[in-house]
Each structure stands twice: as C-alpha cells, then as structure tokens.
Amino acid sequence: EEGLVRAAVRHLKETVDIDLSGVKTWYRFMEVSYHRPAEVYKGRSFPEQEEVSTFFVPDLSHSQPSEEEYRARVSEIKNAVDEKALGEWKARQDAKAKEEEDKAR
C-alpha cells in the first residue's frame, strides 16, 4: 500500500505539479477489479488477466497553511506575476520604440 501511495504522489507531482509528499494519512477509498481480455497491441501479445485499480483519498486536514503562510504565498505569487507582466510590457515598449526609430531613419 505504501508503494501505491508513493506512486500516486509522484504521478500527481509530475502531471499537475501538486506536491502531496507531506500528507501522512491516506484512506483506501475504492478498489476496482476488472477482467482484461487477451489482446494484440502494436504487434505485441498481452495475455488475459485480472487487473485492480486502487483509489486513495489524502487526508488534507493537516496540510492547510496557516493564514499567515497563505497570505505570504499569495503575495509571493502576485509579485512574480506582476514582475513577469511588467517585463513583457517593457519588452513590447522597447520593440515599438525600436520599430519607430527604424522608420524615422
């Protein structure tokens, strides 16, 4: 079970950039067993088999930041977005000025 949780944490980080590595409690929510018939896929044979998918739900009650941590993080993100937007605006202004300068010559 621990290996499945580690795999889920890794998959979430890689696919949607959500880090749940600090979550200590995971609840086994559901297990789905299904029959996979034999098949040939891209020239490779796969035998008939039973497969199981297990769904876990993380206990996020201890993962919430404090109000102070939350406000600091929001401020950090806002500042980063503002800096990026300002940089892009300045680059456009510089490009316009250069274009007008080139036209004036």
C-alpha atoms as a PDB file:
ATOM      1  CA  GLU A   1       0.000   0.000   0.000  1.00  0.00           C
ATOM      2  CA  GLU A   2       2.839   2.407   0.817  1.00  0.00           C
ATOM      3  CA  GLY A   3       4.312   1.878  -2.640  1.00  0.00           C
ATOM      4  CA  LEU A   4       0.980   2.729  -4.282  1.00  0.00           C
ATOM      5  CA  VAL A   5       0.760   5.955  -2.284  1.00  0.00           C
ATOM      6  CA  ARG A   6       4.327   6.923  -3.236  1.00  0.00           C
ATOM      7  CA  ALA A   7       3.481   6.253  -6.890  1.00  0.00           C
ATOM      8  CA  ALA A   8       0.328   8.392  -6.626  1.00  0.00           C
ATOM      9  CA  VAL A   9       2.265  11.259  -5.013  1.00  0.00           C
ATOM     10  CA  ARG A  10       4.923  11.067  -7.738  1.00  0.00           C
ATOM     11  CA  HIS A  11       2.293  10.923 -10.516  1.00  0.00           C
ATOM     12  CA  LEU A  12       0.422  13.962  -9.165  1.00  0.00           C
ATOM     13  CA  LYS A  13       3.651  15.945  -8.923  1.00  0.00           C
ATOM     14  CA  GLU A  14       4.665  15.058 -12.479  1.00  0.00           C
ATOM     15  CA  THR A  15       1.287  15.579 -14.137  1.00  0.00           C
ATOM     16  CA  VAL A  16      -0.366  18.500 -12.310  1.00  0.00           C
ATOM     17  CA  ASP A  17       2.506  19.838 -10.167  1.00  0.00           C
ATOM     18  CA  ILE A  18       0.712  19.204  -6.880  1.00  0.00           C
ATOM     19  CA  ASP A  19       3.036  18.114  -4.095  1.00  0.00           C
ATOM     20  CA  LEU A  20       1.293  15.822  -1.629  1.00  0.00           C
ATOM     21  CA  SER A  21       4.509  14.335  -0.255  1.00  0.00           C
ATOM     22  CA  GLY A  22       3.776  15.855   3.165  1.00  0.00           C
ATOM     23  CA  VAL A  23       0.453  14.053   3.536  1.00  0.00           C
ATOM     24  CA  LYS A  24       0.800  11.445   6.273  1.00  0.00           C
ATOM     25  CA  THR A  25      -2.610   9.752   6.125  1.00  0.00           C
ATOM     26  CA  TRP A  26      -4.165   8.213   3.030  1.00  0.00           C
ATOM     27  CA  TYR A  27      -7.503   6.404   3.003  1.00  0.00           C
ATOM     28  CA  ARG A  28      -8.107   3.489   0.696  1.00  0.00           C
ATOM     29  CA  PHE A  29     -11.317   4.712  -0.893  1.00  0.00           C
ATOM     30  CA  MET A  30     -12.138   2.169  -3.555  1.00  0.00           C
ATOM     31  CA  GLU A  31     -10.741  -0.805  -5.377  1.00  0.00           C
ATOM     32  CA  VAL A  32     -11.974  -1.739  -8.825  1.00  0.00           C
ATOM     33  CA  SER A  33     -11.204  -5.212 -10.178  1.00  0.00           C
ATOM     34  CA  TYR A  34     -11.739  -5.900 -13.829  1.00  0.00           C
ATOM     35  CA  HIS A  35     -11.059  -8.556 -16.423  1.00  0.00           C
ATOM     36  CA  ARG A  36      -8.763  -7.583 -19.277  1.00  0.00           C
ATOM     37  CA  PRO A  37      -9.163  -9.951 -22.247  1.00  0.00           C
ATOM     38  CA  ALA A  38      -6.173 -11.165 -24.217  1.00  0.00           C
ATOM     39  CA  GLU A  39      -5.193  -8.766 -26.991  1.00  0.00           C
ATOM     40  CA  VAL A  40      -2.547  -7.891 -29.511  1.00  0.00           C
ATOM     41  CA  TYR A  41      -1.460  -4.270 -29.411  1.00  0.00           C
ATOM     42  CA  LYS A  42       1.105  -2.871 -31.855  1.00  0.00           C
ATOM     43  CA  GLY A  43       2.206  -6.379 -32.692  1.00  0.00           C
ATOM     44  CA  ARG A  44       2.718  -7.398 -29.067  1.00  0.00           C
ATOM     45  CA  SER A  45       0.579 -10.064 -27.366  1.00  0.00           C
ATOM     46  CA  PHE A  46      -0.890  -9.467 -23.936  1.00  0.00           C
ATOM     47  CA  PRO A  47      -2.470 -12.395 -22.043  1.00  0.00           C
ATOM     48  CA  GLU A  48      -5.890 -12.371 -20.433  1.00  0.00           C
ATOM     49  CA  GLN A  49      -5.631 -11.131 -16.846  1.00  0.00           C
ATOM     50  CA  GLU A  50      -7.401  -9.663 -13.841  1.00  0.00           C
ATOM     51  CA  GLU A  51      -6.392  -6.095 -13.004  1.00  0.00           C
ATOM     52  CA  VAL A  52      -7.058  -3.935  -9.963  1.00  0.00           C
ATOM     53  CA  SER A  53      -7.125  -0.147  -9.700  1.00  0.00           C
ATOM     54  CA  THR A  54      -6.960   1.264  -6.187  1.00  0.00           C
ATOM     55  CA  PHE A  55      -8.121   4.785  -5.360  1.00  0.00           C
ATOM     56  CA  PHE A  56      -6.771   6.641  -2.344  1.00  0.00           C
ATOM     57  CA  VAL A  57      -8.011   9.864  -0.756  1.00  0.00           C
ATOM     58  CA  PRO A  58      -5.482  12.027   1.069  1.00  0.00           C
ATOM     59  CA  ASP A  59      -6.253  13.488   4.497  1.00  0.00           C
ATOM     60  CA  LEU A  60      -5.506  17.153   3.843  1.00  0.00           C
ATOM     61  CA  SER A  61      -6.642  18.442   7.219  1.00  0.00           C
ATOM     62  CA  HIS A  62      -3.039  18.933   8.366  1.00  0.00           C
ATOM     63  CA  SER A  63      -1.822  20.243   5.027  1.00  0.00           C
ATOM     64  CA  GLN A  64      -3.551  23.597   5.163  1.00  0.00           C
ATOM     65  CA  PRO A  65      -1.158  26.523   5.578  1.00  0.00           C
ATOM     66  CA  SER A  66      -1.732  28.979   8.381  1.00  0.00           C
ATOM     67  CA  GLU A  67      -3.399  32.245   7.393  1.00  0.00           C
ATOM     68  CA  GLU A  68      -0.030  33.988   7.605  1.00  0.00           C
ATOM     69  CA  GLU A  69       1.652  31.390   5.351  1.00  0.00           C
ATOM     70  CA  TYR A  70      -1.252  31.595   2.916  1.00  0.00           C
ATOM     71  CA  ARG A  71      -1.095  35.391   2.682  1.00  0.00           C
ATOM     72  CA  ALA A  72       2.684  35.294   2.232  1.00  0.00           C
ATOM     73  CA  ARG A  73       2.359  32.754  -0.595  1.00  0.00           C
ATOM     74  CA  VAL A  74      -0.393  34.752  -2.327  1.00  0.00           C
ATOM     75  CA  SER A  75       1.789  37.866  -2.095  1.00  0.00           C
ATOM     76  CA  GLU A  76       4.777  35.964  -3.494  1.00  0.00           C
ATOM     77  CA  ILE A  77       2.758  34.709  -6.461  1.00  0.00           C
ATOM     78  CA  LYS A  78       1.229  38.141  -7.096  1.00  0.00           C
ATOM     79  CA  ASN A  79       4.670  39.773  -7.102  1.00  0.00           C
ATOM     80  CA  ALA A  80       6.040  37.158  -9.505  1.00  0.00           C
ATOM     81  CA  VAL A  81       3.102  37.647 -11.885  1.00  0.00           C
ATOM     82  CA  ASP A  82       3.438  41.442 -11.676  1.00  0.00           C
ATOM     83  CA  GLU A  83       7.185  41.263 -12.413  1.00  0.00           C
ATOM     84  CA  LYS A  84       6.606  38.992 -15.395  1.00  0.00           C
ATOM     85  CA  ALA A  85       3.832  41.206 -16.776  1.00  0.00           C
ATOM     86  CA  LEU A  86       5.949  44.328 -16.325  1.00  0.00           C
ATOM     87  CA  GLY A  87       8.903  42.681 -18.069  1.00  0.00           C
ATOM     88  CA  GLU A  88       6.719  41.672 -21.009  1.00  0.00           C
ATOM     89  CA  TRP A  89       5.214  45.170 -21.217  1.00  0.00           C
ATOM     90  CA  LYS A  90       8.677  46.784 -21.189  1.00  0.00           C
ATOM     91  CA  ALA A  91       9.849  44.404 -23.920  1.00  0.00           C
ATOM     92  CA  ARG A  92       6.863  45.380 -26.091  1.00  0.00           C
ATOM     93  CA  GLN A  93       7.518  49.077 -25.447  1.00  0.00           C
ATOM     94  CA  ASP A  94      11.194  48.673 -26.364  1.00  0.00           C
ATOM     95  CA  ALA A  95      10.240  46.825 -29.560  1.00  0.00           C
ATOM     96  CA  LYS A  96       7.775  49.589 -30.502  1.00  0.00           C
ATOM     97  CA  ALA A  97      10.365  52.291 -29.834  1.00  0.00           C
ATOM     98  CA  LYS A  98      12.949  50.471 -31.946  1.00  0.00           C
ATOM     99  CA  GLU A  99      10.427  49.999 -34.741  1.00  0.00           C
ATOM    100  CA  GLU A 100       9.554  53.733 -34.696  1.00  0.00           C
ATOM    101  CA  GLU A 101      13.239  54.629 -34.590  1.00  0.00           C
ATOM    102  CA  ASP A 102      13.909  52.413 -37.611  1.00  0.00           C
ATOM    103  CA  LYS A 103      11.004  54.043 -39.501  1.00  0.00           C
ATOM    104  CA  ALA A 104      12.367  57.507 -38.728  1.00  0.00           C
ATOM    105  CA  ARG A 105      15.690  56.704 -40.402  1.00  0.00           C
END
